[in-house]
N, C-alpha and C. Protein backbone atom coordinates (compact mmCIF):
# COMPACT_ATOMS: atom_id res chain seq x y z
N MET A 1 -44.08 -24.27 -41.50
CA MET A 1 -42.81 -25.28 -41.47
C MET A 1 -43.08 -26.11 -40.28
N LEU A 2 -42.24 -27.27 -40.45
CA LEU A 2 -42.13 -28.16 -39.67
C LEU A 2 -40.70 -28.10 -38.99
N LEU A 3 -40.64 -28.37 -37.72
CA LEU A 3 -39.60 -28.59 -36.74
C LEU A 3 -38.42 -29.10 -37.76
N ARG A 4 -38.80 -30.38 -38.32
CA ARG A 4 -37.50 -31.08 -39.08
C ARG A 4 -37.12 -30.47 -40.28
N ASP A 5 -37.77 -29.58 -41.03
CA ASP A 5 -37.81 -28.84 -42.06
C ASP A 5 -36.67 -27.76 -41.50
N LEU A 6 -37.13 -26.89 -40.41
CA LEU A 6 -36.38 -25.74 -40.01
C LEU A 6 -34.98 -26.35 -39.66
N ILE A 7 -34.71 -27.46 -38.83
CA ILE A 7 -33.36 -28.01 -38.66
C ILE A 7 -32.56 -28.28 -39.66
N LYS A 8 -33.12 -28.67 -40.88
CA LYS A 8 -32.51 -29.27 -42.18
C LYS A 8 -32.11 -28.16 -42.73
N LEU A 9 -32.98 -26.96 -42.62
CA LEU A 9 -32.67 -25.50 -43.45
C LEU A 9 -31.39 -24.95 -42.61
N SER A 10 -31.43 -24.89 -41.66
CA SER A 10 -30.53 -24.25 -40.51
C SER A 10 -29.21 -25.01 -40.70
N LEU A 11 -29.13 -26.45 -40.83
CA LEU A 11 -27.73 -27.23 -40.62
C LEU A 11 -27.09 -26.92 -42.15
N GLY A 12 -28.00 -26.72 -43.33
CA GLY A 12 -27.85 -26.63 -44.60
C GLY A 12 -27.05 -25.09 -44.53
N SER A 13 -27.58 -24.06 -44.20
CA SER A 13 -27.02 -22.95 -44.44
C SER A 13 -25.56 -23.06 -43.73
N LEU A 14 -25.70 -23.73 -42.28
CA LEU A 14 -24.23 -23.49 -41.64
C LEU A 14 -22.99 -24.32 -42.49
N VAL A 15 -23.71 -25.42 -43.15
CA VAL A 15 -22.52 -26.19 -44.24
C VAL A 15 -22.28 -25.47 -45.22
N ASP A 16 -23.27 -24.48 -45.66
CA ASP A 16 -22.91 -23.96 -47.11
C ASP A 16 -21.99 -22.88 -46.84
N GLN A 17 -22.39 -22.06 -45.74
CA GLN A 17 -21.49 -20.75 -45.41
C GLN A 17 -20.63 -21.05 -44.44
N ARG A 18 -19.71 -21.97 -44.51
CA ARG A 18 -18.52 -22.51 -43.40
C ARG A 18 -17.88 -21.21 -43.02
N LEU A 19 -17.27 -20.58 -43.74
CA LEU A 19 -16.38 -19.45 -43.45
C LEU A 19 -17.46 -18.45 -42.44
N ARG A 20 -18.64 -18.04 -42.93
CA ARG A 20 -19.37 -17.12 -42.18
C ARG A 20 -19.70 -17.81 -40.71
N SER A 21 -20.11 -19.11 -40.80
CA SER A 21 -20.43 -19.60 -39.65
C SER A 21 -19.18 -19.69 -38.53
N PHE A 22 -18.11 -20.09 -39.13
CA PHE A 22 -16.69 -20.20 -38.15
C PHE A 22 -16.51 -18.84 -37.71
N LEU A 23 -16.68 -17.73 -38.56
CA LEU A 23 -16.44 -16.50 -38.02
C LEU A 23 -17.45 -15.89 -37.20
N THR A 24 -18.62 -16.42 -36.94
CA THR A 24 -19.66 -16.08 -36.13
C THR A 24 -19.47 -16.78 -34.94
N VAL A 25 -19.14 -18.02 -34.78
CA VAL A 25 -18.78 -18.61 -33.46
C VAL A 25 -17.52 -18.30 -32.99
N LEU A 26 -16.49 -17.78 -33.57
CA LEU A 26 -15.28 -17.38 -33.41
C LEU A 26 -15.59 -15.70 -32.73
N GLY A 27 -16.40 -14.97 -33.07
CA GLY A 27 -16.98 -13.76 -32.77
C GLY A 27 -17.51 -13.79 -31.18
N ILE A 28 -18.42 -14.75 -31.04
CA ILE A 28 -19.30 -15.07 -29.89
C ILE A 28 -18.29 -15.58 -29.09
N ALA A 29 -17.20 -16.55 -28.99
CA ALA A 29 -16.44 -16.90 -28.12
C ALA A 29 -15.45 -15.81 -27.63
N VAL A 30 -14.86 -14.99 -28.60
CA VAL A 30 -14.23 -13.73 -28.30
C VAL A 30 -14.95 -12.81 -27.35
N GLY A 31 -16.04 -12.44 -27.80
CA GLY A 31 -16.98 -11.77 -26.79
C GLY A 31 -16.91 -12.45 -25.56
N ILE A 32 -17.45 -13.73 -25.34
CA ILE A 32 -17.48 -14.35 -23.93
C ILE A 32 -16.31 -14.07 -23.18
N ALA A 33 -15.07 -14.55 -23.79
CA ALA A 33 -13.82 -14.68 -23.40
C ALA A 33 -13.35 -13.23 -22.66
N SER A 34 -13.84 -12.18 -23.54
CA SER A 34 -13.62 -10.68 -23.20
C SER A 34 -14.33 -10.57 -22.02
N VAL A 35 -15.69 -10.61 -21.79
CA VAL A 35 -16.46 -10.51 -20.69
C VAL A 35 -15.87 -11.09 -19.38
N VAL A 36 -15.73 -12.31 -19.56
CA VAL A 36 -15.06 -13.29 -18.46
C VAL A 36 -13.61 -12.44 -17.91
N LEU A 37 -12.85 -12.27 -18.86
CA LEU A 37 -11.60 -11.58 -18.76
C LEU A 37 -11.82 -10.35 -17.92
N LEU A 38 -12.33 -9.25 -18.36
CA LEU A 38 -12.60 -8.02 -17.58
C LEU A 38 -13.26 -8.20 -16.38
N THR A 39 -14.32 -8.97 -16.11
CA THR A 39 -14.67 -9.36 -14.98
C THR A 39 -13.62 -9.87 -14.00
N SER A 40 -12.76 -10.66 -14.50
CA SER A 40 -11.94 -11.29 -13.53
C SER A 40 -10.79 -10.27 -13.25
N ILE A 41 -10.59 -9.32 -14.31
CA ILE A 41 -9.44 -8.10 -13.51
C ILE A 41 -10.11 -7.18 -12.59
N GLY A 42 -11.54 -6.95 -12.92
CA GLY A 42 -12.36 -6.25 -12.08
C GLY A 42 -12.24 -6.51 -10.43
N GLU A 43 -12.53 -7.92 -10.34
CA GLU A 43 -12.49 -8.39 -9.14
C GLU A 43 -11.29 -8.55 -8.55
N GLY A 44 -10.19 -8.80 -9.50
CA GLY A 44 -8.84 -8.59 -8.88
C GLY A 44 -8.74 -7.10 -8.34
N VAL A 45 -8.64 -6.36 -8.87
CA VAL A 45 -8.49 -4.74 -8.78
C VAL A 45 -9.32 -4.54 -7.30
N ARG A 46 -10.57 -5.25 -7.47
CA ARG A 46 -11.53 -4.82 -6.12
C ARG A 46 -10.92 -5.29 -5.00
N ARG A 47 -10.25 -6.80 -4.85
CA ARG A 47 -9.81 -7.33 -3.85
C ARG A 47 -8.45 -6.68 -3.42
N PHE A 48 -7.65 -6.34 -4.47
CA PHE A 48 -6.32 -5.55 -4.03
C PHE A 48 -6.67 -4.20 -3.47
N MET A 49 -7.51 -3.46 -3.79
CA MET A 49 -7.95 -2.16 -2.97
C MET A 49 -8.31 -2.66 -1.76
N LEU A 50 -9.20 -3.23 -1.48
CA LEU A 50 -9.76 -3.78 -0.28
C LEU A 50 -8.63 -4.06 0.80
N SER A 51 -7.75 -5.32 -0.04
CA SER A 51 -6.73 -5.28 1.12
C SER A 51 -5.80 -4.37 1.37
N GLU A 52 -5.42 -3.35 0.34
CA GLU A 52 -4.71 -2.22 0.77
C GLU A 52 -5.38 -1.34 1.69
N PHE A 53 -6.71 -1.04 1.52
CA PHE A 53 -7.50 -0.18 2.54
C PHE A 53 -7.54 -0.66 4.03
N THR A 54 -7.68 -2.03 4.06
CA THR A 54 -7.90 -2.59 5.26
C THR A 54 -6.71 -3.16 6.07
N GLN A 55 -5.71 -3.02 5.49
CA GLN A 55 -4.64 -3.80 5.99
C GLN A 55 -4.07 -3.05 7.35
N PHE A 56 -4.64 -1.80 7.43
CA PHE A 56 -4.28 -0.59 8.55
C PHE A 56 -5.51 -0.97 9.53
N GLY A 57 -6.16 -1.86 9.41
CA GLY A 57 -7.42 -1.91 10.50
C GLY A 57 -8.57 -1.16 10.04
N THR A 58 -9.59 -1.28 10.96
CA THR A 58 -10.88 -0.40 10.41
C THR A 58 -11.34 0.22 11.14
N ASN A 59 -10.40 0.42 12.18
CA ASN A 59 -11.08 1.47 13.49
C ASN A 59 -9.77 2.40 13.65
N LEU A 60 -9.11 2.96 12.53
CA LEU A 60 -8.17 3.99 12.42
C LEU A 60 -8.60 5.29 12.09
N ILE A 61 -8.14 6.32 12.84
CA ILE A 61 -8.47 7.64 12.59
C ILE A 61 -7.24 8.42 12.57
N SER A 62 -7.20 9.21 11.25
CA SER A 62 -5.75 9.89 10.80
C SER A 62 -6.29 11.38 11.20
N ILE A 63 -5.38 12.25 11.86
CA ILE A 63 -5.37 13.60 12.26
C ILE A 63 -3.96 14.50 11.59
N ASN A 64 -4.33 15.14 10.61
CA ASN A 64 -3.72 15.97 9.87
C ASN A 64 -3.57 17.12 10.09
N PRO A 65 -2.60 18.12 10.37
CA PRO A 65 -2.76 19.42 10.63
C PRO A 65 -3.30 20.29 9.40
N GLY A 66 -3.74 21.34 9.64
CA GLY A 66 -4.26 22.15 8.60
C GLY A 66 -5.12 23.69 8.97
N LYS A 67 -5.54 24.33 8.21
CA LYS A 67 -6.31 25.53 8.16
C LYS A 67 -7.13 25.57 9.48
N THR A 68 -7.63 26.63 10.09
CA THR A 68 -8.26 27.02 11.13
C THR A 68 -9.77 26.85 10.85
N THR A 69 -9.88 26.86 9.39
CA THR A 69 -11.43 26.88 8.94
C THR A 69 -11.74 25.92 8.12
N THR A 70 -13.01 25.45 7.99
CA THR A 70 -13.12 24.27 7.05
C THR A 70 -13.58 24.46 5.84
N ILE A 71 -13.18 25.57 5.11
CA ILE A 71 -13.39 26.10 3.93
C ILE A 71 -12.34 25.98 3.15
N GLY A 72 -12.43 25.35 1.71
CA GLY A 72 -11.07 25.11 1.06
C GLY A 72 -10.43 24.13 1.26
N VAL A 73 -9.13 24.04 0.64
CA VAL A 73 -8.29 22.89 0.53
C VAL A 73 -7.48 22.81 1.89
N SER A 74 -7.28 21.65 2.37
CA SER A 74 -6.43 21.65 3.47
C SER A 74 -4.99 22.21 3.32
N GLY A 75 -4.68 23.09 4.30
CA GLY A 75 -3.22 23.96 4.29
C GLY A 75 -2.13 23.08 4.65
N ALA A 76 -2.33 21.74 5.03
CA ALA A 76 -1.51 20.67 5.31
C ALA A 76 -0.45 20.39 4.16
N ILE A 77 -0.88 20.90 2.62
CA ILE A 77 -0.06 20.68 1.42
C ILE A 77 0.77 21.59 1.63
N ILE A 78 0.46 22.93 1.66
CA ILE A 78 1.35 23.96 1.53
C ILE A 78 2.01 24.54 2.71
N ASN A 79 1.10 24.74 3.85
CA ASN A 79 1.79 25.34 4.80
C ASN A 79 0.64 24.83 6.21
N ASN A 80 1.17 25.13 7.55
CA ASN A 80 0.46 24.62 8.50
C ASN A 80 0.17 25.76 9.35
N ILE A 81 -0.93 26.15 9.60
CA ILE A 81 -1.28 27.24 10.49
C ILE A 81 -1.29 26.84 11.87
N ARG A 82 -1.78 25.43 12.06
CA ARG A 82 -1.58 24.96 13.40
C ARG A 82 -1.08 23.47 13.31
N PRO A 83 0.40 23.41 13.35
CA PRO A 83 1.08 22.12 13.16
C PRO A 83 0.60 21.30 14.61
N LEU A 84 0.62 19.95 14.52
CA LEU A 84 0.52 19.11 15.12
C LEU A 84 1.77 18.87 16.22
N SER A 85 1.65 18.41 17.40
CA SER A 85 3.10 18.30 18.04
C SER A 85 2.96 16.86 18.77
N ILE A 86 3.96 16.60 19.55
CA ILE A 86 4.11 15.53 20.37
C ILE A 86 3.15 15.57 21.50
N ALA A 87 2.82 16.88 21.95
CA ALA A 87 2.08 17.04 23.06
C ALA A 87 0.45 16.54 22.53
N ASP A 88 0.41 17.04 21.17
CA ASP A 88 -0.85 16.68 20.92
C ASP A 88 -1.19 15.37 20.85
N GLU A 89 -0.49 14.63 20.43
CA GLU A 89 -0.35 13.13 20.58
C GLU A 89 -0.58 12.72 21.61
N GLU A 90 0.14 12.80 22.84
CA GLU A 90 -0.20 12.62 24.13
C GLU A 90 -1.45 12.91 24.54
N ALA A 91 -2.20 14.27 24.17
CA ALA A 91 -3.29 14.67 24.56
C ALA A 91 -4.37 13.62 24.18
N LEU A 92 -4.11 13.47 22.81
CA LEU A 92 -4.96 12.07 22.27
C LEU A 92 -5.06 10.73 22.98
N ARG A 93 -4.07 10.46 23.23
CA ARG A 93 -3.49 8.99 23.81
C ARG A 93 -4.48 9.19 25.21
N ARG A 94 -4.81 10.08 25.64
CA ARG A 94 -5.53 10.48 27.28
C ARG A 94 -7.09 10.48 27.10
N ILE A 95 -7.60 10.40 25.96
CA ILE A 95 -8.93 10.52 25.61
C ILE A 95 -9.45 9.21 25.98
N ALA A 96 -10.60 8.93 26.90
CA ALA A 96 -11.11 7.63 26.90
C ALA A 96 -11.65 7.04 25.34
N GLY A 97 -11.42 5.87 25.14
CA GLY A 97 -11.68 4.66 24.13
C GLY A 97 -10.66 4.89 22.98
N VAL A 98 -9.46 5.97 23.17
CA VAL A 98 -8.55 5.70 22.34
C VAL A 98 -7.51 4.49 22.86
N ILE A 99 -7.42 3.31 21.88
CA ILE A 99 -6.46 2.70 22.43
C ILE A 99 -5.06 2.79 22.22
N ASP A 100 -4.65 3.55 21.14
CA ASP A 100 -3.11 4.13 20.83
C ASP A 100 -3.14 5.27 19.75
N THR A 101 -2.11 5.68 19.75
CA THR A 101 -1.69 6.77 19.02
C THR A 101 -0.44 6.52 18.30
N ILE A 102 0.01 7.39 17.03
CA ILE A 102 1.15 7.24 16.32
C ILE A 102 1.39 8.52 15.79
N ALA A 103 2.52 9.21 16.20
CA ALA A 103 2.98 10.49 15.57
C ALA A 103 3.55 9.90 14.34
N VAL A 104 3.30 10.48 13.25
CA VAL A 104 4.08 10.08 11.92
C VAL A 104 4.60 11.23 11.12
N VAL A 105 5.96 11.34 10.80
CA VAL A 105 6.45 12.19 10.07
C VAL A 105 6.82 11.28 8.62
N GLN A 106 6.51 11.99 7.51
CA GLN A 106 6.70 11.59 6.13
C GLN A 106 7.63 12.00 5.37
N GLY A 107 8.29 11.61 4.55
CA GLY A 107 9.50 12.26 3.55
C GLY A 107 9.94 11.24 2.57
N ASN A 108 10.62 11.88 1.80
CA ASN A 108 11.52 10.82 0.86
C ASN A 108 12.80 11.51 1.21
N ALA A 109 13.75 10.28 0.91
CA ALA A 109 14.97 10.57 1.23
C ALA A 109 15.83 9.29 0.72
N PRO A 110 17.27 9.61 0.43
CA PRO A 110 17.78 8.44 -0.36
C PRO A 110 18.47 7.41 1.20
N VAL A 111 18.33 6.34 1.20
CA VAL A 111 18.74 5.15 2.13
C VAL A 111 20.03 4.93 1.72
N GLU A 112 21.28 5.15 2.25
CA GLU A 112 22.54 4.72 1.72
C GLU A 112 23.41 3.79 2.48
N ARG A 113 24.01 2.89 2.09
CA ARG A 113 24.84 2.02 2.77
C ARG A 113 26.14 1.64 1.95
N GLU A 114 27.41 2.24 2.24
CA GLU A 114 28.55 2.37 1.24
C GLU A 114 28.52 2.60 0.07
N LYS A 115 28.45 1.97 -1.01
CA LYS A 115 28.30 2.50 -2.32
C LYS A 115 26.93 2.42 -2.82
N ARG A 116 26.06 1.93 -1.97
CA ARG A 116 24.74 1.44 -2.55
C ARG A 116 23.57 2.42 -2.29
N SER A 117 22.64 2.87 -2.75
CA SER A 117 21.88 3.84 -2.42
C SER A 117 20.32 3.50 -2.99
N ARG A 118 19.24 3.85 -2.12
CA ARG A 118 18.09 3.90 -2.81
C ARG A 118 17.21 4.69 -2.16
N HIS A 119 16.38 5.65 -3.17
CA HIS A 119 15.77 6.63 -2.76
C HIS A 119 14.12 6.29 -2.36
N THR A 120 13.89 6.39 -1.17
CA THR A 120 12.32 5.77 -0.84
C THR A 120 11.57 6.75 -0.05
N THR A 121 10.61 6.28 0.27
CA THR A 121 9.74 7.01 1.30
C THR A 121 9.96 6.71 2.71
N ILE A 122 10.30 7.66 3.64
CA ILE A 122 10.79 7.52 5.00
C ILE A 122 9.44 7.91 5.90
N LEU A 123 9.12 6.95 6.97
CA LEU A 123 8.37 7.31 8.00
C LEU A 123 9.02 7.25 9.04
N GLY A 124 8.45 8.50 9.69
CA GLY A 124 9.25 8.56 11.20
C GLY A 124 7.93 8.25 12.17
N VAL A 125 8.29 7.07 12.85
CA VAL A 125 7.29 6.55 13.65
C VAL A 125 7.68 6.28 15.01
N GLY A 126 6.86 5.98 15.83
CA GLY A 126 7.14 5.61 17.29
C GLY A 126 7.18 3.85 17.51
N PRO A 127 7.29 3.31 18.58
CA PRO A 127 7.30 2.21 18.64
C PRO A 127 5.92 1.14 18.45
N THR A 128 5.02 2.27 18.78
CA THR A 128 3.49 1.47 18.80
C THR A 128 3.19 1.16 17.26
N ALA A 129 3.79 1.96 16.35
CA ALA A 129 3.40 1.57 14.74
C ALA A 129 3.15 0.13 14.44
N ALA A 130 4.27 -0.47 14.87
CA ALA A 130 4.04 -1.91 14.33
C ALA A 130 2.82 -2.53 15.05
N ALA A 131 2.33 -2.53 16.18
CA ALA A 131 0.98 -2.86 16.71
C ALA A 131 -0.02 -2.44 15.60
N VAL A 132 -0.14 -1.30 15.68
CA VAL A 132 -1.33 -0.55 14.97
C VAL A 132 -1.81 -0.86 13.48
N PHE A 133 -0.29 -0.70 13.07
CA PHE A 133 -0.34 -0.91 11.75
C PHE A 133 -0.18 -2.47 11.08
N THR A 134 -0.30 -3.42 12.19
CA THR A 134 0.13 -4.84 11.84
C THR A 134 1.01 -4.90 11.14
N ILE A 135 2.53 -4.29 11.79
CA ILE A 135 3.62 -4.86 10.94
C ILE A 135 4.37 -6.18 11.36
N ASP A 136 4.78 -6.92 10.94
CA ASP A 136 5.64 -7.82 11.25
C ASP A 136 7.17 -7.94 11.04
N VAL A 137 7.77 -8.05 11.90
CA VAL A 137 9.48 -7.85 11.70
C VAL A 137 9.90 -9.09 11.46
N ALA A 138 10.27 -9.21 10.09
CA ALA A 138 10.92 -10.81 9.94
C ALA A 138 12.34 -11.15 10.68
N ARG A 139 13.01 -10.05 10.83
CA ARG A 139 14.52 -10.35 11.36
C ARG A 139 14.46 -9.06 12.47
N GLY A 140 14.99 -9.28 13.48
CA GLY A 140 15.24 -8.58 14.57
C GLY A 140 14.01 -8.05 15.13
N ARG A 141 13.89 -6.74 15.44
CA ARG A 141 12.78 -5.90 16.10
C ARG A 141 12.39 -4.53 15.69
N PHE A 142 11.20 -4.08 16.14
CA PHE A 142 10.75 -2.78 15.66
C PHE A 142 11.41 -2.13 16.59
N LEU A 143 10.95 -0.59 16.49
CA LEU A 143 11.67 0.37 17.54
C LEU A 143 11.39 0.37 18.99
N PRO A 144 12.58 0.48 19.70
CA PRO A 144 12.24 0.12 21.08
C PRO A 144 11.36 1.68 21.82
N VAL A 145 11.00 1.52 22.95
CA VAL A 145 10.29 2.52 23.64
C VAL A 145 11.27 3.40 24.16
N ASP A 146 11.17 4.56 23.60
CA ASP A 146 12.11 5.61 23.93
C ASP A 146 11.25 7.12 24.13
N ASP A 147 11.96 8.00 24.70
CA ASP A 147 11.28 9.43 24.66
C ASP A 147 11.22 9.91 23.41
N GLN A 148 10.04 10.15 23.02
CA GLN A 148 10.16 10.81 21.45
C GLN A 148 10.69 12.04 21.30
N ARG A 149 11.22 12.70 22.46
CA ARG A 149 11.87 13.76 22.23
C ARG A 149 13.18 13.56 21.82
N ALA A 150 13.75 12.58 22.45
CA ALA A 150 15.31 12.41 22.22
C ALA A 150 15.61 10.82 21.82
N ALA A 151 14.96 10.30 21.17
CA ALA A 151 14.98 8.96 20.55
C ALA A 151 16.25 8.40 19.94
N ARG A 152 16.54 7.31 20.37
CA ARG A 152 17.83 6.70 19.60
C ARG A 152 17.83 6.74 18.04
N ALA A 153 18.89 6.71 17.61
CA ALA A 153 19.01 6.74 15.91
C ALA A 153 18.76 5.44 15.51
N TYR A 154 17.75 4.57 15.63
CA TYR A 154 17.45 3.37 15.07
C TYR A 154 16.56 3.42 13.96
N VAL A 155 16.49 2.26 12.87
CA VAL A 155 15.65 2.07 11.82
C VAL A 155 15.50 0.91 11.85
N ALA A 156 14.19 0.39 11.32
CA ALA A 156 13.76 -0.87 10.77
C ALA A 156 13.42 -0.67 9.35
N LEU A 157 13.92 -1.44 8.52
CA LEU A 157 14.14 -1.22 7.21
C LEU A 157 12.92 -2.28 6.51
N GLY A 158 12.32 -1.65 5.42
CA GLY A 158 11.39 -2.48 4.71
C GLY A 158 12.24 -3.81 4.06
N SER A 159 11.71 -4.60 3.52
CA SER A 159 12.38 -5.98 2.87
C SER A 159 13.01 -5.48 1.60
N LYS A 160 12.40 -4.57 0.65
CA LYS A 160 12.92 -4.53 -0.54
C LYS A 160 14.39 -3.51 -0.22
N VAL A 161 14.12 -2.72 0.46
CA VAL A 161 15.40 -1.55 0.92
C VAL A 161 16.30 -2.37 1.37
N ALA A 162 15.90 -3.46 2.35
CA ALA A 162 17.12 -4.23 2.94
C ALA A 162 17.50 -5.11 1.95
N PHE A 163 17.21 -5.33 1.01
CA PHE A 163 17.80 -6.26 0.09
C PHE A 163 18.51 -5.67 -0.79
N GLU A 164 18.09 -4.52 -1.44
CA GLU A 164 18.95 -3.60 -2.35
C GLU A 164 20.34 -3.13 -1.53
N LEU A 165 20.11 -3.00 -0.37
CA LEU A 165 21.49 -2.39 0.02
C LEU A 165 22.30 -3.52 0.85
N PHE A 166 21.98 -4.42 1.30
CA PHE A 166 22.47 -5.56 1.92
C PHE A 166 22.66 -6.94 1.17
N ARG A 167 21.63 -6.92 0.05
CA ARG A 167 21.50 -8.40 -0.74
C ARG A 167 21.53 -9.58 0.14
N GLU A 168 22.43 -10.21 0.57
CA GLU A 168 22.22 -11.78 0.98
C GLU A 168 22.81 -11.81 2.55
N THR A 169 23.25 -10.47 2.86
CA THR A 169 24.04 -10.47 4.09
C THR A 169 22.98 -9.83 5.07
N SER A 170 23.13 -10.11 6.49
CA SER A 170 22.16 -9.57 7.29
C SER A 170 22.32 -8.02 7.95
N PRO A 171 21.24 -7.13 7.59
CA PRO A 171 21.68 -5.99 8.03
C PRO A 171 21.55 -5.36 9.28
N LEU A 172 21.33 -6.25 10.25
CA LEU A 172 20.94 -5.96 11.81
C LEU A 172 22.73 -5.71 12.19
N GLY A 173 22.32 -4.58 12.95
CA GLY A 173 23.61 -4.01 13.77
C GLY A 173 24.37 -3.03 12.59
N LYS A 174 24.03 -2.82 11.26
CA LYS A 174 24.70 -2.26 10.60
C LYS A 174 24.20 -0.76 10.40
N ILE A 175 24.96 0.28 9.87
CA ILE A 175 24.91 1.58 9.97
C ILE A 175 24.47 1.83 8.64
N VAL A 176 23.01 2.64 8.41
CA VAL A 176 22.83 3.33 7.33
C VAL A 176 22.67 4.91 7.33
N ARG A 177 22.65 5.50 6.31
CA ARG A 177 22.40 6.85 6.26
C ARG A 177 21.34 7.12 5.40
N ILE A 178 20.41 8.07 6.34
CA ILE A 178 19.02 8.39 5.71
C ILE A 178 19.05 9.79 5.78
N GLY A 179 19.10 10.27 4.53
CA GLY A 179 19.03 12.06 4.22
C GLY A 179 20.36 12.60 5.00
N GLY A 180 21.23 11.68 4.91
CA GLY A 180 22.80 12.47 5.71
C GLY A 180 23.12 11.96 7.11
N GLU A 181 22.01 11.72 7.78
CA GLU A 181 22.04 11.20 9.16
C GLU A 181 22.34 9.46 9.40
N ARG A 182 23.03 9.27 10.42
CA ARG A 182 23.69 8.04 10.67
C ARG A 182 22.32 7.07 11.42
N TYR A 183 21.91 6.08 11.10
CA TYR A 183 20.91 5.24 11.67
C TYR A 183 21.34 3.75 11.85
N ARG A 184 21.15 3.13 13.08
CA ARG A 184 21.76 1.51 13.32
C ARG A 184 20.37 0.62 12.84
N VAL A 185 20.65 -0.17 11.96
CA VAL A 185 19.47 -1.16 11.75
C VAL A 185 19.39 -2.00 12.96
N ILE A 186 17.90 -2.25 13.49
CA ILE A 186 17.68 -3.26 14.17
C ILE A 186 16.38 -4.20 13.86
N GLY A 187 16.07 -3.62 13.10
CA GLY A 187 14.96 -4.59 12.22
C GLY A 187 14.76 -4.51 10.53
């Protein structure tokens, strides 16, 4: 069979079976679009996860309290046989090569102002957290350097909580209640 005859036969089949030809082309287009879409979603998720994990830097170590043995699940979930203290943080800071340390206490509590309330994650941190976690304060300042055993009741709110509690007014200098305790907003 000559090439000319092969082309004539193929075009004749496409014209005679228009619906079948259209559905075949449509199926190929949908398949290609699906592959491109799934690849794009996968790349977007990869970039998001990479940005989430690298936002705190690439040279951080987290030390959590737990069991005295290395067998089984960490006891930090249920109980702490050996809890960490502020003295432990200060001892870690004195190790050669350690740039900075942060003691973190984490929990959930309502943040309240007048009749507005927002239940959110609360991080109890020191003043070095802004530099270590690369937190930029939009208004005001981050927590001041205080004695960690007798720190003043200051709070730096996240942008979402600040908007929900204060709307368009500035939260700086105002009082909020977190878990029933009063804190002055400084950032």
